[in-house]
C-alpha atoms as a PDB file:
ATOM      1  CA  UNK A   1     -51.855  32.497  50.156  1.00  0.00           C
ATOM      2  CA  UNK A   2     -55.366  31.452  50.281  1.00  0.00           C
ATOM      3  CA  UNK A   3     -58.681  32.723  49.078  1.00  0.00           C
ATOM      4  CA  UNK A   4     -60.999  33.620  52.189  1.00  0.00           C
ATOM      5  CA  UNK A   5     -64.909  33.720  50.435  1.00  0.00           C
ATOM      6  CA  UNK A   6     -66.877  36.681  52.382  1.00  0.00           C
ATOM      7  CA  UNK A   7     -69.514  35.484  54.423  1.00  0.00           C
ATOM      8  CA  UNK A   8     -71.688  38.755  54.895  1.00  0.00           C
ATOM      9  CA  UNK A   9     -74.513  38.432  52.768  1.00  0.00           C
ATOM     10  CA  UNK A  10     -77.472  40.648  54.306  1.00  0.00           C
ATOM     11  CA  UNK A  11     -81.499  39.634  53.887  1.00  0.00           C
ATOM     12  CA  UNK A  12     -84.034  41.390  52.188  1.00  0.00           C
ATOM     13  CA  UNK A  13     -85.558  44.079  54.757  1.00  0.00           C
ATOM     14  CA  UNK A  14     -81.887  44.171  56.708  1.00  0.00           C
ATOM     15  CA  UNK A  15     -81.067  48.025  57.457  1.00  0.00           C
ATOM     16  CA  UNK A  16     -77.094  49.119  55.941  1.00  0.00           C
ATOM     17  CA  UNK A  17     -75.668  52.006  55.874  1.00  0.00           C
ATOM     18  CA  UNK A  18     -73.289  52.418  52.787  1.00  0.00           C
ATOM     19  CA  UNK A  19     -69.167  52.929  53.219  1.00  0.00           C
ATOM     20  CA  UNK A  20     -68.988  55.037  49.469  1.00  0.00           C
ATOM     21  CA  UNK A  21     -70.769  56.927  47.635  1.00  0.00           C
ATOM     22  CA  UNK A  22     -73.429  55.334  45.336  1.00  0.00           C
ATOM     23  CA  UNK A  23     -74.088  57.119  41.894  1.00  0.00           C
ATOM     24  CA  UNK A  24     -76.584  56.517  39.117  1.00  0.00           C
ATOM     25  CA  UNK A  25     -78.022  59.396  36.280  1.00  0.00           C
ATOM     26  CA  UNK A  26     -80.810  59.514  38.590  1.00  0.00           C
ATOM     27  CA  UNK A  27     -79.444  60.950  41.708  1.00  0.00           C
ATOM     28  CA  UNK A  28     -76.888  59.747  44.401  1.00  0.00           C
ATOM     29  CA  UNK A  29     -76.715  58.403  47.864  1.00  0.00           C
ATOM     30  CA  UNK A  30     -73.924  59.854  50.351  1.00  0.00           C
ATOM     31  CA  UNK A  31     -71.716  57.724  52.566  1.00  0.00           C
ATOM     32  CA  UNK A  32     -73.398  57.028  55.738  1.00  0.00           C
ATOM     33  CA  UNK A  33     -77.045  56.721  54.472  1.00  0.00           C
ATOM     34  CA  UNK A  34     -79.349  54.231  56.503  1.00  0.00           C
ATOM     35  CA  UNK A  35     -80.610  51.660  53.428  1.00  0.00           C
ATOM     36  CA  UNK A  36     -82.971  48.890  53.164  1.00  0.00           C
ATOM     37  CA  UNK A  37     -81.662  46.017  51.408  1.00  0.00           C
ATOM     38  CA  UNK A  38     -84.762  45.526  48.681  1.00  0.00           C
ATOM     39  CA  UNK A  39     -83.286  42.922  46.792  1.00  0.00           C
ATOM     40  CA  UNK A  40     -80.044  40.874  45.502  1.00  0.00           C
ATOM     41  CA  UNK A  41     -78.882  39.321  42.332  1.00  0.00           C
ATOM     42  CA  UNK A  42     -75.709  37.126  42.997  1.00  0.00           C
ATOM     43  CA  UNK A  43     -74.167  38.335  39.730  1.00  0.00           C
ATOM     44  CA  UNK A  44     -74.752  42.251  39.885  1.00  0.00           C
ATOM     45  CA  UNK A  45     -75.071  42.690  44.295  1.00  0.00           C
ATOM     46  CA  UNK A  46     -77.754  44.530  46.482  1.00  0.00           C
ATOM     47  CA  UNK A  47     -80.733  46.714  45.350  1.00  0.00           C
ATOM     48  CA  UNK A  48     -81.470  49.363  48.379  1.00  0.00           C
ATOM     49  CA  UNK A  49     -83.941  51.892  49.178  1.00  0.00           C
ATOM     50  CA  UNK A  50     -83.869  54.484  51.794  1.00  0.00           C
ATOM     51  CA  UNK A  51     -87.073  56.335  53.821  1.00  0.00           C
ATOM     52  CA  UNK A  52     -87.815  58.299  51.143  1.00  0.00           C
ATOM     53  CA  UNK A  53     -88.333  55.452  48.609  1.00  0.00           C
ATOM     54  CA  UNK A  54     -85.180  56.306  46.558  1.00  0.00           C
ATOM     55  CA  UNK A  55     -84.437  53.316  44.949  1.00  0.00           C
ATOM     56  CA  UNK A  56     -80.992  52.042  43.436  1.00  0.00           C
ATOM     57  CA  UNK A  57     -81.102  48.595  41.470  1.00  0.00           C
ATOM     58  CA  UNK A  58     -77.984  46.196  41.456  1.00  0.00           C
ATOM     59  CA  UNK A  59     -75.276  48.426  43.085  1.00  0.00           C
ATOM     60  CA  UNK A  60     -72.753  45.661  43.266  1.00  0.00           C
ATOM     61  CA  UNK A  61     -71.307  43.646  46.661  1.00  0.00           C
ATOM     62  CA  UNK A  62     -68.462  46.434  48.324  1.00  0.00           C
ATOM     63  CA  UNK A  63     -70.398  49.347  49.456  1.00  0.00           C
ATOM     64  CA  UNK A  64     -72.692  47.972  52.519  1.00  0.00           C
ATOM     65  CA  UNK A  65     -71.803  47.601  56.237  1.00  0.00           C
ATOM     66  CA  UNK A  66     -74.920  46.514  58.376  1.00  0.00           C
ATOM     67  CA  UNK A  67     -76.306  48.857  60.490  1.00  0.00           C
ATOM     68  CA  UNK A  68     -74.745  46.936  63.513  1.00  0.00           C
ATOM     69  CA  UNK A  69     -72.074  46.128  62.863  1.00  0.00           C
ATOM     70  CA  UNK A  70     -69.247  45.539  65.244  1.00  0.00           C
ATOM     71  CA  UNK A  71     -66.469  44.333  63.588  1.00  0.00           C
ATOM     72  CA  UNK A  72     -65.083  40.623  61.679  1.00  0.00           C
ATOM     73  CA  UNK A  73     -66.493  37.289  63.505  1.00  0.00           C
ATOM     74  CA  UNK A  74     -63.966  35.195  64.828  1.00  0.00           C
END
């Protein structure tokens, strides 16, 4: 077996949708919420914000798909 590295890195300002519920003490983003990437930490993940200014910082790497995602590139 071989390790295949992930090449999906979203830039600041990219529009994404979460594929799992994001929860914090302040609230949560339901699955499918349109979010904007507002930050990135190589160890802790993406920071996102919705259209109402609600932010969640350092959410990890495994929760988003780019808004115009059409499947893996060959």
